[in-house]
Amino acid sequence: MNTVSVCFVCLGNICRSPTAEGVMRRLVDEAKLADRILLDSAGTGDWHIGAAPDERARDAARQRGYALDALRGRQITVADFERFDLLIAMDDRNVAALRQLCPPAQRDKIRLLMEFVPESDGRWSGAREVVDPYFGGAEGFELVLDQCEAACRGLLAALRPQLLA
């Protein structure tokens, strides 16, 4: 039985990447694929190691039924490139940081989350990055959820053929 492992990556691992992990975790659970798709999140920076996701991210997620409270910040490591099939970054800055750390032979594992938004989703087609809500208000965290929901639906659809191969 095939499995796929995915790590979502943002700068500090307290806003965008745990939100993406929480959204994807629920989609995977609903699809009854939790034993086949392994999920985690990490940050390129070390500022929030061991910290819970930002309270604003947790509040916004909770209002939509996502659970982020058990997640804790961690920093990405070189070992993660062996452990995960995909390292999905929230923006170009994180892609650049991942490429600096990544062994050259594994660079094809690095992708942007918004690449997975279906073309039929007119609202987000063409959006390249998940917005960073950290320095803004609650509306930014709602926007991150909107983006993650659209992109994670597309990601799940993209992963299904690998699980059946």
Protein backbone atom coordinates (compact mmCIF):
# COMPACT_ATOMS: atom_id res chain seq x y z
CA MET A 1 0.00 0.00 0.00
CA ASN A 2 1.49 3.32 -1.09
CA THR A 3 1.90 6.21 1.32
CA VAL A 4 2.83 9.83 0.78
CA SER A 5 4.44 12.12 3.36
CA VAL A 6 3.97 15.89 3.22
CA CYS A 7 5.51 18.68 5.28
CA PHE A 8 4.08 22.19 5.01
CA VAL A 9 6.69 24.94 5.50
CA CYS A 10 6.48 28.64 6.36
CA LEU A 11 8.80 31.05 8.11
CA GLY A 12 8.05 30.47 11.79
CA ASN A 13 5.65 27.49 11.79
CA ILE A 14 3.00 29.31 13.83
CA CYS A 15 0.60 30.74 11.22
CA ARG A 16 0.48 29.44 7.66
CA SER A 17 2.09 25.99 7.78
CA PRO A 18 0.17 24.74 10.85
CA THR A 19 -3.02 26.09 9.25
CA ALA A 20 -2.27 24.15 6.06
CA GLU A 21 -1.49 21.05 8.12
CA GLY A 22 -4.76 21.36 10.05
CA VAL A 23 -6.83 21.87 6.89
CA MET A 24 -5.12 18.99 5.09
CA ARG A 25 -5.41 16.71 8.13
CA ARG A 26 -9.19 17.13 8.16
CA LEU A 27 -9.49 16.57 4.39
CA VAL A 28 -7.35 13.43 4.67
CA ASP A 29 -9.42 12.17 7.62
CA GLU A 30 -12.67 12.80 5.74
CA ALA A 31 -11.26 10.90 2.74
CA LYS A 32 -10.30 8.04 5.09
CA LEU A 33 -6.67 8.30 3.98
CA ALA A 34 -5.01 9.11 7.32
CA ASP A 35 -3.08 5.84 7.22
CA ARG A 36 -1.77 6.65 3.72
CA ILE A 37 -0.96 10.37 3.85
CA LEU A 38 1.43 11.44 6.60
CA LEU A 39 1.42 15.14 7.52
CA ASP A 40 3.60 17.57 9.43
CA SER A 41 4.65 21.22 9.34
CA ALA A 42 7.83 23.14 10.07
CA GLY A 43 9.40 26.57 9.83
CA THR A 44 12.56 27.71 8.10
CA GLY A 45 13.35 29.89 11.14
CA ASP A 46 13.99 28.86 14.73
CA TRP A 47 12.05 31.57 16.60
CA HIS A 48 9.02 29.48 17.57
CA ILE A 49 10.40 25.98 18.27
CA GLY A 50 8.02 24.29 20.70
CA ALA A 51 5.44 27.09 20.52
CA ALA A 52 1.75 26.58 19.82
CA PRO A 53 0.37 28.15 16.64
CA ASP A 54 -0.47 31.85 16.83
CA GLU A 55 -3.63 32.40 18.87
CA ARG A 56 -5.26 34.23 15.94
CA ALA A 57 -4.58 31.24 13.66
CA ARG A 58 -6.01 28.85 16.25
CA ASP A 59 -9.12 31.01 16.75
CA ALA A 60 -9.82 31.33 13.02
CA ALA A 61 -9.23 27.61 12.50
CA ARG A 62 -11.43 26.63 15.44
CA GLN A 63 -14.31 28.68 13.99
CA ARG A 64 -14.14 26.50 10.86
CA GLY A 65 -13.75 23.26 12.76
CA TYR A 66 -9.99 22.74 12.41
CA ALA A 67 -7.87 21.68 15.35
CA LEU A 68 -4.44 23.31 15.64
CA ASP A 69 -4.03 23.33 19.42
CA ALA A 70 -1.89 20.16 19.61
CA LEU A 71 0.60 21.35 16.98
CA ARG A 72 3.98 22.74 18.05
CA GLY A 73 6.51 24.76 16.09
CA ARG A 74 9.66 23.13 14.85
CA GLN A 75 12.43 24.01 12.44
CA ILE A 76 12.98 22.17 9.18
CA THR A 77 16.09 19.97 9.05
CA VAL A 78 18.14 18.28 6.34
CA ALA A 79 16.71 14.95 7.55
CA ASP A 80 13.23 16.15 6.54
CA PHE A 81 14.25 15.87 2.88
CA GLU A 82 14.68 12.12 3.39
CA ARG A 83 11.59 11.78 5.58
CA PHE A 84 9.09 13.60 3.33
CA ASP A 85 8.02 13.07 -0.27
CA LEU A 86 6.90 16.69 -0.58
CA LEU A 87 7.97 19.86 1.23
CA ILE A 88 5.32 22.41 0.44
CA ALA A 89 6.27 26.03 1.01
CA MET A 90 3.90 28.92 1.59
CA ASP A 91 5.91 31.49 -0.38
CA ASP A 92 8.98 32.06 -2.55
CA ARG A 93 11.11 33.11 0.43
CA ASN A 94 10.52 29.71 2.02
CA VAL A 95 11.25 27.95 -1.26
CA ALA A 96 14.62 29.75 -1.39
CA ALA A 97 15.40 28.78 2.22
CA LEU A 98 14.47 25.15 1.53
CA ARG A 99 16.66 25.05 -1.58
CA GLN A 100 19.65 26.29 0.42
CA LEU A 101 19.20 23.46 2.92
CA CYS A 102 18.14 20.73 0.51
CA PRO A 103 20.47 18.12 -0.96
CA PRO A 104 20.56 18.88 -4.73
CA ALA A 105 19.12 15.50 -5.71
CA GLN A 106 15.94 16.18 -3.73
CA ARG A 107 15.05 19.69 -4.92
CA ASP A 108 12.10 18.34 -6.92
CA LYS A 109 10.35 17.64 -3.59
CA ILE A 110 9.94 21.40 -2.97
CA ARG A 111 6.68 22.93 -4.18
CA LEU A 112 4.51 25.97 -3.48
CA LEU A 113 1.14 25.24 -1.88
CA MET A 114 -0.75 27.56 -4.21
CA GLU A 115 0.43 25.48 -7.21
CA PHE A 116 -2.22 22.96 -6.20
CA VAL A 117 -5.22 25.30 -6.45
CA PRO A 118 -7.45 23.90 -9.21
CA GLU A 119 -7.72 26.12 -12.28
CA SER A 120 -11.48 26.04 -11.83
CA ASP A 121 -11.07 28.04 -8.60
CA GLY A 122 -11.20 31.48 -10.17
CA ARG A 123 -10.66 33.32 -6.89
CA TRP A 124 -7.17 31.92 -6.39
CA SER A 125 -6.02 30.99 -9.88
CA GLY A 126 -2.82 32.89 -10.49
CA ALA A 127 -2.09 33.47 -6.78
CA ARG A 128 1.45 32.28 -6.17
CA GLU A 129 1.88 32.65 -2.41
CA VAL A 130 -0.12 32.15 0.75
CA VAL A 131 -0.29 35.60 2.35
CA ASP A 132 1.58 36.07 5.62
CA PRO A 133 -1.00 37.24 8.19
CA TYR A 134 1.38 37.70 11.14
CA PHE A 135 1.56 41.51 11.18
CA GLY A 136 -2.11 42.07 10.33
CA GLY A 137 -5.50 41.50 11.88
CA ALA A 138 -7.91 38.61 12.08
CA GLU A 139 -8.99 39.00 8.43
CA GLY A 140 -5.54 37.86 7.30
CA PHE A 141 -5.96 34.55 9.11
CA GLU A 142 -9.34 34.07 7.41
CA LEU A 143 -7.67 34.69 4.06
CA VAL A 144 -4.98 32.10 4.88
CA LEU A 145 -7.72 29.57 5.67
CA ASP A 146 -9.47 30.35 2.37
CA GLN A 147 -6.23 29.83 0.46
CA CYS A 148 -5.30 26.66 2.35
CA GLU A 149 -8.75 25.14 1.85
CA ALA A 150 -8.59 25.68 -1.92
CA ALA A 151 -4.99 24.51 -2.29
CA CYS A 152 -5.30 21.50 0.03
CA ARG A 153 -8.34 20.23 -1.87
CA GLY A 154 -6.21 20.38 -5.01
CA LEU A 155 -3.26 18.76 -3.24
CA LEU A 156 -5.41 15.85 -2.09
CA ALA A 157 -6.66 15.37 -5.65
CA ALA A 158 -3.06 15.42 -6.92
CA LEU A 159 -1.94 12.84 -4.34
CA ARG A 160 -4.71 10.30 -5.02
CA PRO A 161 -3.10 8.81 -8.18
CA GLN A 162 0.18 8.23 -6.26
CA LEU A 163 -1.73 6.32 -3.60
CA LEU A 164 -3.31 4.06 -6.22
CA ALA A 165 -0.12 3.40 -8.19
